[in-house]
Amino acid sequence: MTKICLDTDVVLDFLKGHKAAVAKIRHYVDNDELSITSLTFFELVSAIKKKGRVLPILDNLTLLPFEKKAALRANRIHESIQAQKMEIGMRELMNSAICIENGAWLYTKNRAPYEGVEGLRFI
């Protein structure tokens, strides 16, 4: 079973009923373990007005925390990105570290901000 971490954009598309996102997530829910990072959880509950409708959906996903191992991994990623003369946003840095530390594949619509992160795997 593959652990798949859904990025905020993908979850929002699912909640809005976008057919491609719904179909893909339904496929993965039957075959894999779906998760979100603690950062994505925060972004979703902050952005969504009807929390009562959304929280039960999020409760069915594994929550991957930003903890000590992920923080140390984020630091290594940041140093590597800087050495390559590249930049990465704090959100992408932290989400990357959480995914890598938990052996999760990232499912996002926008890979560009994650470019250059060694070891990050995408769906």
N, C-alpha and C. Protein backbone atom coordinates (compact mmCIF):
# COMPACT_ATOMS: atom_id res chain seq x y z
N MET A 1 0.85 -1.18 0.00
CA MET A 1 0.00 0.00 0.00
C MET A 1 0.89 1.24 0.00
N THR A 2 0.64 2.14 -0.91
CA THR A 2 1.40 3.37 -1.04
C THR A 2 0.76 4.46 -0.19
N LYS A 3 1.59 5.24 0.49
CA LYS A 3 1.09 6.39 1.25
C LYS A 3 1.12 7.59 0.33
N ILE A 4 -0.04 8.22 0.14
CA ILE A 4 -0.16 9.36 -0.75
C ILE A 4 -0.58 10.56 0.09
N CYS A 5 0.18 11.64 -0.04
CA CYS A 5 -0.10 12.87 0.68
C CYS A 5 -0.75 13.87 -0.27
N LEU A 6 -1.96 14.26 0.04
CA LEU A 6 -2.71 15.19 -0.81
C LEU A 6 -2.34 16.62 -0.45
N ASP A 7 -1.99 17.40 -1.45
CA ASP A 7 -1.68 18.80 -1.24
C ASP A 7 -3.00 19.58 -1.17
N THR A 8 -2.94 20.77 -0.64
CA THR A 8 -4.12 21.59 -0.43
C THR A 8 -4.93 21.78 -1.71
N ASP A 9 -4.25 22.06 -2.82
CA ASP A 9 -4.96 22.30 -4.08
C ASP A 9 -5.79 21.10 -4.52
N VAL A 10 -5.29 19.92 -4.29
CA VAL A 10 -5.98 18.70 -4.69
C VAL A 10 -7.22 18.47 -3.80
N VAL A 11 -7.06 18.68 -2.50
CA VAL A 11 -8.20 18.51 -1.59
C VAL A 11 -9.29 19.53 -1.91
N LEU A 12 -8.91 20.77 -2.18
CA LEU A 12 -9.89 21.79 -2.52
C LEU A 12 -10.64 21.42 -3.80
N ASP A 13 -9.94 20.92 -4.80
CA ASP A 13 -10.59 20.49 -6.04
C ASP A 13 -11.58 19.35 -5.75
N PHE A 14 -11.18 18.42 -4.90
CA PHE A 14 -12.07 17.32 -4.52
C PHE A 14 -13.33 17.85 -3.85
N LEU A 15 -13.15 18.76 -2.90
CA LEU A 15 -14.29 19.32 -2.17
C LEU A 15 -15.21 20.13 -3.06
N LYS A 16 -14.65 20.73 -4.11
CA LYS A 16 -15.44 21.50 -5.07
C LYS A 16 -16.12 20.59 -6.09
N GLY A 17 -15.79 19.30 -6.06
CA GLY A 17 -16.42 18.34 -6.97
C GLY A 17 -15.81 18.28 -8.35
N HIS A 18 -14.59 18.76 -8.52
CA HIS A 18 -13.94 18.67 -9.84
C HIS A 18 -13.77 17.20 -10.21
N LYS A 19 -14.30 16.84 -11.36
CA LYS A 19 -14.39 15.43 -11.75
C LYS A 19 -13.05 14.71 -11.75
N ALA A 20 -12.02 15.33 -12.29
CA ALA A 20 -10.72 14.65 -12.36
C ALA A 20 -10.18 14.37 -10.96
N ALA A 21 -10.29 15.34 -10.07
CA ALA A 21 -9.79 15.16 -8.70
C ALA A 21 -10.61 14.10 -7.96
N VAL A 22 -11.92 14.15 -8.12
CA VAL A 22 -12.79 13.18 -7.45
C VAL A 22 -12.47 11.77 -7.93
N ALA A 23 -12.34 11.60 -9.24
CA ALA A 23 -12.05 10.27 -9.80
C ALA A 23 -10.70 9.75 -9.32
N LYS A 24 -9.69 10.59 -9.34
CA LYS A 24 -8.36 10.15 -8.95
C LYS A 24 -8.31 9.81 -7.46
N ILE A 25 -8.90 10.64 -6.63
CA ILE A 25 -8.89 10.37 -5.19
C ILE A 25 -9.71 9.12 -4.88
N ARG A 26 -10.82 8.93 -5.55
CA ARG A 26 -11.61 7.70 -5.34
C ARG A 26 -10.79 6.47 -5.72
N HIS A 27 -10.02 6.56 -6.77
CA HIS A 27 -9.15 5.45 -7.16
C HIS A 27 -8.13 5.17 -6.05
N TYR A 28 -7.49 6.22 -5.57
CA TYR A 28 -6.45 6.03 -4.55
C TYR A 28 -7.02 5.57 -3.22
N VAL A 29 -8.20 6.04 -2.85
CA VAL A 29 -8.77 5.66 -1.56
C VAL A 29 -9.02 4.16 -1.48
N ASP A 30 -9.26 3.52 -2.62
CA ASP A 30 -9.50 2.08 -2.65
C ASP A 30 -8.20 1.27 -2.62
N ASN A 31 -7.08 1.89 -2.98
CA ASN A 31 -5.85 1.13 -3.14
C ASN A 31 -4.69 1.58 -2.26
N ASP A 32 -4.78 2.77 -1.69
CA ASP A 32 -3.64 3.35 -1.00
C ASP A 32 -4.07 4.04 0.30
N GLU A 33 -3.10 4.47 1.08
CA GLU A 33 -3.37 5.23 2.29
C GLU A 33 -3.28 6.72 1.96
N LEU A 34 -4.38 7.43 2.15
CA LEU A 34 -4.40 8.86 1.86
C LEU A 34 -4.09 9.65 3.13
N SER A 35 -3.31 10.71 2.96
CA SER A 35 -2.91 11.52 4.09
C SER A 35 -2.82 12.99 3.67
N ILE A 36 -2.70 13.85 4.67
CA ILE A 36 -2.40 15.26 4.47
C ILE A 36 -1.40 15.65 5.55
N THR A 37 -0.65 16.71 5.28
CA THR A 37 0.27 17.19 6.30
C THR A 37 -0.49 18.07 7.29
N SER A 38 0.12 18.28 8.44
CA SER A 38 -0.49 19.18 9.43
C SER A 38 -0.62 20.59 8.87
N LEU A 39 0.29 20.98 7.98
CA LEU A 39 0.20 22.30 7.34
C LEU A 39 -1.01 22.39 6.41
N THR A 40 -1.22 21.35 5.64
CA THR A 40 -2.38 21.32 4.75
C THR A 40 -3.67 21.34 5.56
N PHE A 41 -3.70 20.60 6.66
CA PHE A 41 -4.87 20.61 7.54
C PHE A 41 -5.17 22.03 8.01
N PHE A 42 -4.15 22.73 8.46
CA PHE A 42 -4.32 24.11 8.91
C PHE A 42 -4.85 24.99 7.77
N GLU A 43 -4.25 24.86 6.59
CA GLU A 43 -4.69 25.68 5.45
C GLU A 43 -6.16 25.41 5.13
N LEU A 44 -6.56 24.15 5.17
CA LEU A 44 -7.93 23.80 4.82
C LEU A 44 -8.93 24.32 5.85
N VAL A 45 -8.66 24.10 7.14
CA VAL A 45 -9.63 24.56 8.13
C VAL A 45 -9.66 26.08 8.21
N SER A 46 -8.57 26.73 7.83
CA SER A 46 -8.54 28.19 7.82
C SER A 46 -9.31 28.75 6.63
N ALA A 47 -9.30 28.04 5.51
CA ALA A 47 -9.88 28.56 4.27
C ALA A 47 -11.35 28.20 4.08
N ILE A 48 -11.79 27.13 4.70
CA ILE A 48 -13.13 26.62 4.42
C ILE A 48 -14.13 27.14 5.44
N LYS A 49 -15.22 27.68 4.92
CA LYS A 49 -16.25 28.26 5.78
C LYS A 49 -17.12 27.18 6.44
N LYS A 50 -17.46 26.13 5.70
CA LYS A 50 -18.35 25.08 6.23
C LYS A 50 -17.52 23.95 6.83
N LYS A 51 -16.88 24.23 7.94
CA LYS A 51 -15.99 23.26 8.57
C LYS A 51 -16.72 21.98 9.00
N GLY A 52 -17.97 22.11 9.40
CA GLY A 52 -18.74 20.95 9.82
C GLY A 52 -18.89 19.91 8.73
N ARG A 53 -18.88 20.36 7.49
CA ARG A 53 -18.98 19.45 6.35
C ARG A 53 -17.63 18.85 5.99
N VAL A 54 -16.58 19.62 6.22
CA VAL A 54 -15.25 19.23 5.77
C VAL A 54 -14.48 18.41 6.82
N LEU A 55 -14.62 18.74 8.08
CA LEU A 55 -13.84 18.05 9.12
C LEU A 55 -14.04 16.53 9.12
N PRO A 56 -15.27 16.02 8.93
CA PRO A 56 -15.40 14.56 8.87
C PRO A 56 -14.64 13.93 7.71
N ILE A 57 -14.54 14.64 6.60
CA ILE A 57 -13.77 14.14 5.46
C ILE A 57 -12.29 14.09 5.82
N LEU A 58 -11.80 15.16 6.43
CA LEU A 58 -10.39 15.22 6.83
C LEU A 58 -10.06 14.18 7.90
N ASP A 59 -11.04 13.86 8.75
CA ASP A 59 -10.81 12.85 9.79
C ASP A 59 -10.52 11.48 9.21
N ASN A 60 -10.91 11.25 7.95
CA ASN A 60 -10.66 9.96 7.30
C ASN A 60 -9.27 9.88 6.68
N LEU A 61 -8.51 10.97 6.76
CA LEU A 61 -7.16 11.00 6.21
C LEU A 61 -6.14 10.90 7.36
N THR A 62 -5.03 10.25 7.10
CA THR A 62 -3.95 10.21 8.08
C THR A 62 -3.31 11.59 8.13
N LEU A 63 -3.07 12.09 9.33
CA LEU A 63 -2.44 13.40 9.49
C LEU A 63 -0.95 13.21 9.73
N LEU A 64 -0.13 13.74 8.83
CA LEU A 64 1.32 13.63 8.94
C LEU A 64 1.85 14.91 9.60
N PRO A 65 2.46 14.80 10.79
CA PRO A 65 2.87 16.00 11.53
C PRO A 65 4.24 16.53 11.11
N PHE A 66 4.42 17.81 11.39
CA PHE A 66 5.74 18.42 11.27
C PHE A 66 6.38 18.33 12.64
N GLU A 67 7.24 17.33 12.79
CA GLU A 67 7.88 17.09 14.07
C GLU A 67 9.40 17.14 13.91
N LYS A 68 10.13 16.69 14.92
CA LYS A 68 11.59 16.86 14.96
C LYS A 68 12.29 16.32 13.71
N LYS A 69 11.99 15.07 13.31
CA LYS A 69 12.65 14.48 12.14
C LYS A 69 12.36 15.28 10.88
N ALA A 70 11.12 15.70 10.74
CA ALA A 70 10.75 16.50 9.56
C ALA A 70 11.44 17.86 9.60
N ALA A 71 11.56 18.45 10.79
CA ALA A 71 12.24 19.75 10.92
C ALA A 71 13.71 19.64 10.53
N LEU A 72 14.34 18.57 10.97
CA LEU A 72 15.75 18.37 10.61
C LEU A 72 15.90 18.11 9.11
N ARG A 73 14.97 17.34 8.54
CA ARG A 73 14.98 17.08 7.09
C ARG A 73 14.76 18.39 6.34
N ALA A 74 13.84 19.23 6.82
CA ALA A 74 13.58 20.51 6.17
C ALA A 74 14.84 21.37 6.16
N ASN A 75 15.60 21.33 7.23
CA ASN A 75 16.84 22.09 7.28
C ASN A 75 17.83 21.58 6.23
N ARG A 76 17.95 20.27 6.09
CA ARG A 76 18.86 19.70 5.08
C ARG A 76 18.40 20.07 3.66
N ILE A 77 17.10 20.00 3.42
CA ILE A 77 16.56 20.38 2.11
C ILE A 77 16.87 21.85 1.84
N HIS A 78 16.65 22.69 2.82
CA HIS A 78 16.88 24.12 2.66
C HIS A 78 18.34 24.40 2.32
N GLU A 79 19.26 23.76 3.02
CA GLU A 79 20.69 23.93 2.73
C GLU A 79 21.03 23.47 1.33
N SER A 80 20.45 22.35 0.91
CA SER A 80 20.70 21.82 -0.43
C SER A 80 20.17 22.76 -1.51
N ILE A 81 18.97 23.27 -1.30
CA ILE A 81 18.36 24.20 -2.26
C ILE A 81 19.20 25.47 -2.37
N GLN A 82 19.65 25.99 -1.23
CA GLN A 82 20.48 27.20 -1.24
C GLN A 82 21.80 26.94 -1.96
N ALA A 83 22.39 25.77 -1.76
CA ALA A 83 23.65 25.43 -2.41
C ALA A 83 23.48 25.38 -3.93
N GLN A 84 22.27 25.05 -4.38
CA GLN A 84 21.97 25.00 -5.81
C GLN A 84 21.56 26.37 -6.36
N LYS A 85 21.62 27.38 -5.48
CA LYS A 85 21.23 28.75 -5.86
C LYS A 85 19.77 28.81 -6.29
N MET A 86 18.95 27.99 -5.63
CA MET A 86 17.51 27.96 -5.90
C MET A 86 16.79 28.46 -4.66
N GLU A 87 15.50 28.64 -4.79
CA GLU A 87 14.68 29.06 -3.66
C GLU A 87 13.49 28.11 -3.51
N ILE A 88 12.99 28.04 -2.29
CA ILE A 88 11.79 27.25 -2.02
C ILE A 88 11.01 27.97 -0.92
N GLY A 89 9.69 27.95 -1.05
CA GLY A 89 8.84 28.56 -0.03
C GLY A 89 8.84 27.72 1.24
N MET A 90 8.56 28.35 2.35
CA MET A 90 8.54 27.65 3.64
C MET A 90 7.49 26.53 3.64
N ARG A 91 6.34 26.79 3.09
CA ARG A 91 5.28 25.78 3.03
C ARG A 91 5.73 24.55 2.25
N GLU A 92 6.31 24.79 1.08
CA GLU A 92 6.78 23.67 0.25
C GLU A 92 7.94 22.94 0.92
N LEU A 93 8.80 23.69 1.57
CA LEU A 93 9.92 23.10 2.29
C LEU A 93 9.41 22.15 3.38
N MET A 94 8.48 22.62 4.18
CA MET A 94 7.96 21.81 5.28
C MET A 94 7.15 20.62 4.77
N ASN A 95 6.31 20.83 3.78
CA ASN A 95 5.53 19.72 3.23
C ASN A 95 6.44 18.67 2.60
N SER A 96 7.48 19.10 1.91
CA SER A 96 8.44 18.15 1.32
C SER A 96 9.08 17.29 2.39
N ALA A 97 9.54 17.94 3.45
CA ALA A 97 10.21 17.22 4.54
C ALA A 97 9.26 16.22 5.20
N ILE A 98 8.02 16.62 5.41
CA ILE A 98 7.04 15.72 6.02
C ILE A 98 6.80 14.51 5.13
N CYS A 99 6.63 14.74 3.83
CA CYS A 99 6.42 13.62 2.90
C CYS A 99 7.60 12.67 2.87
N ILE A 100 8.79 13.21 2.76
CA ILE A 100 9.99 12.37 2.68
C ILE A 100 10.14 11.55 3.96
N GLU A 101 9.99 12.18 5.11
CA GLU A 101 10.17 11.48 6.39
C GLU A 101 9.12 10.41 6.62
N ASN A 102 7.96 10.56 6.01
CA ASN A 102 6.89 9.58 6.19
C ASN A 102 6.76 8.60 5.02
N GLY A 103 7.67 8.70 4.05
CA GLY A 103 7.64 7.79 2.91
C GLY A 103 6.40 7.99 2.04
N ALA A 104 5.89 9.21 1.99
CA ALA A 104 4.67 9.49 1.24
C ALA A 104 4.98 10.13 -0.12
N TRP A 105 4.17 9.80 -1.09
CA TRP A 105 4.23 10.41 -2.41
C TRP A 105 3.33 11.64 -2.38
N LEU A 106 3.78 12.74 -2.92
CA LEU A 106 3.00 13.97 -2.93
C LEU A 106 2.12 14.04 -4.17
N TYR A 107 0.83 14.28 -3.94
CA TYR A 107 -0.11 14.48 -5.03
C TYR A 107 -0.48 15.95 -5.02
N THR A 108 0.07 16.70 -5.96
CA THR A 108 -0.18 18.13 -6.10
C THR A 108 -0.40 18.46 -7.56
N LYS A 109 -1.12 19.55 -7.80
CA LYS A 109 -1.29 20.02 -9.18
C LYS A 109 -0.13 20.92 -9.59
N ASN A 110 0.62 21.42 -8.62
CA ASN A 110 1.66 22.40 -8.90
C ASN A 110 3.02 21.91 -8.39
N ARG A 111 3.73 21.23 -9.24
CA ARG A 111 5.04 20.68 -8.86
C ARG A 111 6.16 21.72 -8.87
N ALA A 112 5.99 22.78 -9.61
CA ALA A 112 7.07 23.75 -9.80
C ALA A 112 7.70 24.25 -8.50
N PRO A 113 6.92 24.60 -7.46
CA PRO A 113 7.56 25.10 -6.24
C PRO A 113 8.40 24.05 -5.51
N TYR A 114 8.20 22.78 -5.86
CA TYR A 114 8.92 21.69 -5.21
C TYR A 114 10.15 21.23 -5.99
N GLU A 115 10.40 21.83 -7.15
CA GLU A 115 11.52 21.42 -7.97
C GLU A 115 12.83 21.58 -7.20
N GLY A 116 13.69 20.61 -7.35
CA GLY A 116 14.99 20.66 -6.70
C GLY A 116 15.03 19.94 -5.36
N VAL A 117 13.89 19.45 -4.88
CA VAL A 117 13.86 18.74 -3.60
C VAL A 117 14.21 17.28 -3.86
N GLU A 118 15.41 16.93 -3.47
CA GLU A 118 15.90 15.56 -3.67
C GLU A 118 15.16 14.60 -2.75
N GLY A 119 14.68 13.51 -3.33
CA GLY A 119 14.01 12.47 -2.55
C GLY A 119 12.50 12.60 -2.49
N LEU A 120 11.95 13.72 -2.96
CA LEU A 120 10.50 13.89 -2.96
C LEU A 120 9.92 13.19 -4.18
N ARG A 121 8.92 12.36 -3.94
CA ARG A 121 8.28 11.60 -5.02
C ARG A 121 6.88 12.16 -5.26
N PHE A 122 6.50 12.19 -6.54
CA PHE A 122 5.20 12.73 -6.94
C PHE A 122 4.32 11.68 -7.54
N ILE A 123 3.01 11.90 -7.40
CA ILE A 123 2.00 11.07 -8.09
C ILE A 123 1.78 11.72 -9.44
